[in-house]
C-alpha cells in the first residue's frame, strides 16, 4: 500500500515535508496491523533536487528515516521513482518529458539523480526491494503533446521538442497526429519505446502494471 502519512494534511505531492517523524512508527505499525507487509513510497525528482544537481539533504534524511522505521517493523519498501507530482522544485513536467525524449542534459541529469538516490537510499537499506516507474508519470509526454495544443508560452519549448523528437524517430509531423485518432497508436508506441530505453539505462528497474478497478467475489470466483 502507498504510504504518505495519515494526517489530513499529508498528501502525495508534499508528504516528505508534512509527515512528522514522531508519527511514522505509529503509522507504519497501523499499516502492518491491517495485514500489509510492504509499503510504496513516492520519490519526485524535484522534491529531492529542487534545483537540478542540488540535493535537499532534509528530504533524503526524511525518506531514510521512514525506510529504517519500516525495517524495524519488518515492512518492505518499494519506491515509485520518479513520481511526477510535487509542489517542490521547478519545471517538474518539463524535466521528465525532456529526460524521456533525451533533450539537452536532462537525460544525463535524471540518470545521475537516480544513481545518487540508489546510493543514498537503496543501498543502505536492505528492506528496499525495488525501484519502479509508472506509465502515469512517464505519459506526461502524451499529456504535454495533446493537451497543450496551442503550445502556450510556459510549455512552448517542451511541446515543440516532443514533436521534433517524434518526427525524428517516426517521420511523422505533430499536425499528423490526433488524440485517439490518426497516428495515435504510433505516437503511443513511440512513448513506450522511449520508456523502455530509459528503463534499461536506469537498470534494475521495474515498471508498474496496474488495475484501477477493485475485484469482487461472486459464486466463489473473483471478477474485475
Protein backbone atom coordinates (compact mmCIF):
# COMPACT_ATOMS: atom_id res chain seq x y z
CA UNK A 1 0.00 0.00 0.00
CA UNK A 2 1.11 3.58 -0.59
CA UNK A 3 2.27 5.50 2.44
CA UNK A 4 2.28 9.28 2.66
CA UNK A 5 1.08 9.78 6.21
CA UNK A 6 -2.30 9.54 7.90
CA UNK A 7 -2.81 13.18 8.84
CA UNK A 8 -5.46 15.03 6.86
CA UNK A 9 -2.84 17.46 5.57
CA UNK A 10 -0.48 14.74 4.31
CA UNK A 11 -0.85 14.18 0.59
CA UNK A 12 1.41 12.71 -2.12
CA UNK A 13 2.76 15.99 -3.51
CA UNK A 14 4.34 17.15 -0.23
CA UNK A 15 4.30 14.22 2.20
CA UNK A 16 8.03 14.22 2.90
CA UNK A 17 7.69 17.81 4.08
CA UNK A 18 4.50 17.29 6.05
CA UNK A 19 4.92 13.93 7.82
CA UNK A 20 6.09 14.29 11.40
CA UNK A 21 8.92 11.95 12.38
CA UNK A 22 7.05 11.23 15.59
CA UNK A 23 4.08 9.85 13.61
CA UNK A 24 5.93 7.49 11.27
CA UNK A 25 6.29 4.49 13.58
CA UNK A 26 2.65 4.55 14.66
CA UNK A 27 1.51 4.96 11.05
CA UNK A 28 3.54 2.02 9.77
CA UNK A 29 2.54 -0.10 12.75
CA UNK A 30 -1.09 0.55 11.82
CA UNK A 31 -0.38 -0.50 8.22
CA UNK A 32 1.17 -3.73 9.49
CA UNK A 33 -1.81 -4.43 11.73
CA UNK A 34 -4.04 -4.07 8.66
CA UNK A 35 -2.21 -7.04 7.14
CA UNK A 36 0.25 -5.35 4.79
CA UNK A 37 3.88 -6.44 4.62
CA UNK A 38 5.11 -3.71 2.24
CA UNK A 39 4.68 -0.01 1.58
CA UNK A 40 5.19 2.09 -1.54
CA UNK A 41 6.93 5.44 -1.20
CA UNK A 42 6.84 8.18 -3.85
CA UNK A 43 10.03 9.93 -4.93
CA UNK A 44 9.56 13.04 -7.07
CA UNK A 45 12.77 14.26 -8.70
CA UNK A 46 12.14 17.98 -7.89
CA UNK A 47 11.44 17.17 -4.26
CA UNK A 48 14.88 15.60 -3.85
CA UNK A 49 16.54 18.15 -6.14
CA UNK A 50 14.57 21.42 -6.11
CA UNK A 51 17.28 22.63 -8.47
CA UNK A 52 18.84 20.03 -10.73
CA UNK A 53 22.07 18.77 -9.18
CA UNK A 54 21.37 20.34 -5.76
CA UNK A 55 20.06 17.67 -3.35
CA UNK A 56 17.76 18.52 -0.46
CA UNK A 57 19.51 16.84 2.47
CA UNK A 58 16.45 17.17 4.71
CA UNK A 59 14.33 15.14 2.29
CA UNK A 60 16.94 12.42 1.93
CA UNK A 61 17.11 12.18 5.73
CA UNK A 62 13.31 12.05 5.93
CA UNK A 63 12.84 9.17 3.49
CA UNK A 64 15.67 7.19 5.06
CA UNK A 65 14.02 7.59 8.45
CA UNK A 66 10.74 6.21 7.08
CA UNK A 67 12.51 3.24 5.49
CA UNK A 68 14.54 2.45 8.62
CA UNK A 69 11.39 2.62 10.73
CA UNK A 70 9.68 0.23 8.32
CA UNK A 71 12.60 -2.18 8.67
CA UNK A 72 12.26 -2.18 12.45
CA UNK A 73 8.68 -3.40 11.91
CA UNK A 74 9.67 -5.97 9.23
CA UNK A 75 7.99 -3.97 6.47
CA UNK A 76 9.47 -3.99 2.97
CA UNK A 77 9.60 -0.88 0.79
CA UNK A 78 9.04 -0.30 -2.92
CA UNK A 79 9.81 3.14 -4.33
CA UNK A 80 8.00 4.71 -7.27
CA UNK A 81 10.52 6.97 -8.91
CA UNK A 82 10.14 9.45 -10.47
CA UNK A 83 6.74 10.40 -9.12
CA UNK A 84 5.52 13.16 -11.40
CA UNK A 85 3.78 15.47 -8.94
CA UNK A 86 5.38 17.70 -6.33
CA UNK A 87 4.82 21.20 -5.02
CA UNK A 88 8.59 21.50 -4.60
CA UNK A 89 11.14 22.31 -7.26
CA UNK A 90 10.79 23.79 -10.71
CA UNK A 91 9.78 22.59 -14.19
CA UNK A 92 8.51 19.25 -12.89
CA UNK A 93 6.57 18.38 -16.04
CA UNK A 94 9.26 19.59 -18.40
CA UNK A 95 12.07 17.81 -16.56
CA UNK A 96 10.65 14.35 -17.01
CA UNK A 97 9.43 14.94 -20.56
CA UNK A 98 12.84 16.27 -21.59
CA UNK A 99 14.58 13.34 -19.91
CA UNK A 100 12.38 10.84 -21.74
CA UNK A 101 12.98 12.35 -25.18
CA UNK A 102 16.70 12.87 -24.37
CA UNK A 103 16.72 16.64 -24.82
CA UNK A 104 19.71 18.69 -23.67
CA UNK A 105 21.30 17.42 -20.45
CA UNK A 106 18.03 16.32 -18.87
CA UNK A 107 18.52 12.59 -19.52
CA UNK A 108 22.03 12.69 -18.08
CA UNK A 109 20.88 14.67 -15.05
CA UNK A 110 17.92 12.36 -14.49
CA UNK A 111 20.08 9.23 -14.59
CA UNK A 112 22.55 10.88 -12.19
CA UNK A 113 19.68 11.64 -9.81
CA UNK A 114 18.54 8.00 -9.92
CA UNK A 115 22.10 6.79 -9.32
CA UNK A 116 22.53 9.17 -6.38
CA UNK A 117 19.17 8.14 -4.96
CA UNK A 118 20.12 4.48 -5.25
CA UNK A 119 23.42 5.01 -3.42
CA UNK A 120 21.88 7.16 -0.69
CA UNK A 121 18.57 5.37 -0.15
CA UNK A 122 18.50 1.89 -1.68
CA UNK A 123 21.99 0.56 -0.92
CA UNK A 124 21.96 1.44 2.81
CA UNK A 125 18.50 -0.09 3.39
CA UNK A 126 18.14 -3.83 2.85
CA UNK A 127 14.34 -3.69 3.07
CA UNK A 128 14.09 -1.63 -0.12
CA UNK A 129 13.04 -4.28 -2.62
CA UNK A 130 12.78 -2.38 -5.88
CA UNK A 131 12.63 0.95 -7.66
CA UNK A 132 9.87 1.15 -10.24
CA UNK A 133 8.29 3.58 -12.66
CA UNK A 134 4.69 4.16 -13.66
CA UNK A 135 3.05 4.85 -17.00
CA UNK A 136 1.12 7.56 -15.16
CA UNK A 137 4.31 9.57 -14.69
CA UNK A 138 6.09 8.95 -17.99
CA UNK A 139 2.98 9.61 -20.04
CA UNK A 140 3.41 13.29 -19.22
CA UNK A 141 4.87 13.33 -22.75
CA UNK A 142 1.44 12.45 -24.13
CA UNK A 143 -0.31 14.98 -21.94
CA UNK A 144 2.00 17.79 -22.99
CA UNK A 145 1.81 16.77 -26.64
CA UNK A 146 -2.00 16.71 -26.79
CA UNK A 147 -3.35 18.92 -24.00
CA UNK A 148 -1.10 21.81 -24.91
CA UNK A 149 -2.32 22.10 -28.47
CA UNK A 150 -1.56 25.81 -28.53
CA UNK A 151 1.95 25.20 -27.13
CA UNK A 152 1.34 28.02 -24.65
CA UNK A 153 4.34 30.10 -23.66
CA UNK A 154 5.07 28.10 -20.50
CA UNK A 155 5.23 24.81 -22.40
CA UNK A 156 6.16 26.08 -25.85
CA UNK A 157 9.65 24.61 -25.99
CA UNK A 158 8.85 21.20 -24.49
CA UNK A 159 5.81 20.85 -26.77
CA UNK A 160 7.96 21.70 -29.76
CA UNK A 161 10.77 19.33 -28.77
CA UNK A 162 8.41 16.39 -28.22
CA UNK A 163 7.09 16.89 -31.73
CA UNK A 164 10.62 17.19 -33.10
CA UNK A 165 11.77 14.01 -31.35
CA UNK A 166 8.76 12.05 -32.60
CA UNK A 167 9.29 13.23 -36.16
CA UNK A 168 12.99 12.35 -36.00
CA UNK A 169 12.10 8.85 -34.87
CA UNK A 170 8.99 8.09 -36.95
CA UNK A 171 8.95 10.72 -39.69
CA UNK A 172 5.50 11.97 -38.65
CA UNK A 173 4.66 15.63 -38.06
CA UNK A 174 2.82 16.75 -34.89
CA UNK A 175 0.00 18.04 -37.09
CA UNK A 176 -0.48 14.50 -38.42
CA UNK A 177 -1.28 13.03 -35.00
CA UNK A 178 -4.75 13.18 -33.41
CA UNK A 179 -5.73 12.16 -29.89
CA UNK A 180 -7.22 8.65 -30.18
CA UNK A 181 -7.23 9.17 -33.95
CA UNK A 182 -4.77 9.34 -36.81
CA UNK A 183 -1.29 8.01 -35.91
CA UNK A 184 -2.20 7.97 -32.21
CA UNK A 185 -1.17 4.32 -31.88
CA UNK A 186 2.20 5.10 -33.46
CA UNK A 187 2.76 8.00 -31.09
CA UNK A 188 1.91 5.92 -28.01
CA UNK A 189 4.09 3.04 -29.21
CA UNK A 190 6.94 5.52 -29.60
CA UNK A 191 6.48 6.70 -25.99
CA UNK A 192 6.57 3.09 -24.80
CA UNK A 193 9.77 2.53 -26.79
CA UNK A 194 11.35 5.56 -25.12
CA UNK A 195 10.23 4.37 -21.68
CA UNK A 196 11.86 1.00 -22.35
CA UNK A 197 15.09 2.71 -23.41
CA UNK A 198 15.35 4.89 -20.32
CA UNK A 199 14.34 1.99 -18.06
CA UNK A 200 17.21 -0.09 -19.43
CA UNK A 201 19.60 2.80 -18.86
CA UNK A 202 18.43 3.08 -15.25
CA UNK A 203 18.98 -0.66 -14.71
CA UNK A 204 17.41 -2.90 -12.02
CA UNK A 205 14.20 -1.00 -12.52
CA UNK A 206 10.63 -2.30 -12.52
CA UNK A 207 7.58 -0.92 -14.26
CA UNK A 208 4.09 -0.71 -12.88
CA UNK A 209 1.25 -2.79 -14.29
CA UNK A 210 -1.84 -1.52 -12.52
CA UNK A 211 -5.50 -2.39 -12.39
CA UNK A 212 -7.55 0.51 -11.04
CA UNK A 213 -10.79 -1.46 -10.62
CA UNK A 214 -11.43 -3.33 -7.38
CA UNK A 215 -12.01 -7.10 -7.54
CA UNK A 216 -15.29 -8.56 -6.36
CA UNK A 217 -16.35 -12.09 -5.49
CA UNK A 218 -19.39 -13.85 -6.96
CA UNK A 219 -20.27 -17.54 -6.73
CA UNK A 220 -16.84 -18.30 -5.29
CA UNK A 221 -14.97 -16.63 -8.18
CA UNK A 222 -13.04 -13.37 -8.38
CA UNK A 223 -14.11 -10.86 -11.04
CA UNK A 224 -12.75 -7.45 -12.07
